[in-house]
Amino acid sequence: MAALLFPAIGAVHGTLAGMTWISTTLSLSNRSAASAEAFQTVGF
């Protein structure tokens, strides 16, 4: 039973880590795009 449990935990943990990395990357790219637009609006 434990032999089945550990791969399942690893898969869930890997999925959560992947989703966290993706959302972090998206929020960072959105933030940099927003600040780039702000700079263009101000005229820098």
C-alpha atoms as a PDB file:
ATOM      1  CA  MET A   1       0.000   0.000   0.000  1.00  0.00           C
ATOM      2  CA  ALA A   2       2.770   2.416   0.912  1.00  0.00           C
ATOM      3  CA  ALA A   3       4.448   1.588  -2.398  1.00  0.00           C
ATOM      4  CA  LEU A   4       1.375   2.944  -4.184  1.00  0.00           C
ATOM      5  CA  LEU A   5       0.980   5.906  -1.836  1.00  0.00           C
ATOM      6  CA  PHE A   6       4.407   7.471  -2.318  1.00  0.00           C
ATOM      7  CA  PRO A   7       4.260   7.791  -6.133  1.00  0.00           C
ATOM      8  CA  ALA A   8       0.776   9.288  -5.803  1.00  0.00           C
ATOM      9  CA  ILE A   9       2.033  11.863  -3.291  1.00  0.00           C
ATOM     10  CA  GLY A  10       4.978  12.599  -5.584  1.00  0.00           C
ATOM     11  CA  ALA A  11       2.675  13.095  -8.573  1.00  0.00           C
ATOM     12  CA  VAL A  12       0.350  15.433  -6.662  1.00  0.00           C
ATOM     13  CA  HIS A  13       3.290  17.358  -5.228  1.00  0.00           C
ATOM     14  CA  GLY A  14       4.871  17.653  -8.661  1.00  0.00           C
ATOM     15  CA  THR A  15       1.601  18.904 -10.144  1.00  0.00           C
ATOM     16  CA  LEU A  16       1.175  21.469  -7.379  1.00  0.00           C
ATOM     17  CA  ALA A  17       4.757  22.636  -7.798  1.00  0.00           C
ATOM     18  CA  GLY A  18       4.261  22.897 -11.553  1.00  0.00           C
ATOM     19  CA  MET A  19       1.034  24.868 -11.159  1.00  0.00           C
ATOM     20  CA  THR A  20       2.675  27.175  -8.630  1.00  0.00           C
ATOM     21  CA  TRP A  21       5.629  27.752 -10.971  1.00  0.00           C
ATOM     22  CA  ILE A  22       3.304  28.434 -13.912  1.00  0.00           C
ATOM     23  CA  SER A  23       1.135  30.892 -11.957  1.00  0.00           C
ATOM     24  CA  THR A  24       4.235  32.640 -10.589  1.00  0.00           C
ATOM     25  CA  THR A  25       5.684  32.933 -14.086  1.00  0.00           C
ATOM     26  CA  LEU A  26       2.393  34.262 -15.468  1.00  0.00           C
ATOM     27  CA  SER A  27       2.001  36.833 -12.700  1.00  0.00           C
ATOM     28  CA  LEU A  28       5.608  37.989 -13.167  1.00  0.00           C
ATOM     29  CA  SER A  29       5.205  38.316 -16.934  1.00  0.00           C
ATOM     30  CA  ASN A  30       1.890  40.135 -16.474  1.00  0.00           C
ATOM     31  CA  ARG A  31       3.519  42.502 -13.984  1.00  0.00           C
ATOM     32  CA  SER A  32       6.478  43.249 -16.257  1.00  0.00           C
ATOM     33  CA  ALA A  33       4.119  43.811 -19.198  1.00  0.00           C
ATOM     34  CA  ALA A  34       1.986  46.154 -17.086  1.00  0.00           C
ATOM     35  CA  SER A  35       5.017  48.141 -15.938  1.00  0.00           C
ATOM     36  CA  ALA A  36       6.255  48.334 -19.546  1.00  0.00           C
ATOM     37  CA  GLU A  37       2.874  49.760 -20.571  1.00  0.00           C
ATOM     38  CA  ALA A  38       3.033  52.223 -17.686  1.00  0.00           C
ATOM     39  CA  PHE A  39       6.481  53.385 -18.813  1.00  0.00           C
ATOM     40  CA  GLN A  40       5.250  53.828 -22.386  1.00  0.00           C
ATOM     41  CA  THR A  41       2.223  55.779 -21.133  1.00  0.00           C
ATOM     42  CA  VAL A  42       4.413  58.082 -19.050  1.00  0.00           C
ATOM     43  CA  GLY A  43       6.761  58.451 -21.997  1.00  0.00           C
ATOM     44  CA  PHE A  44      10.049  56.976 -20.807  1.00  0.00           C
END
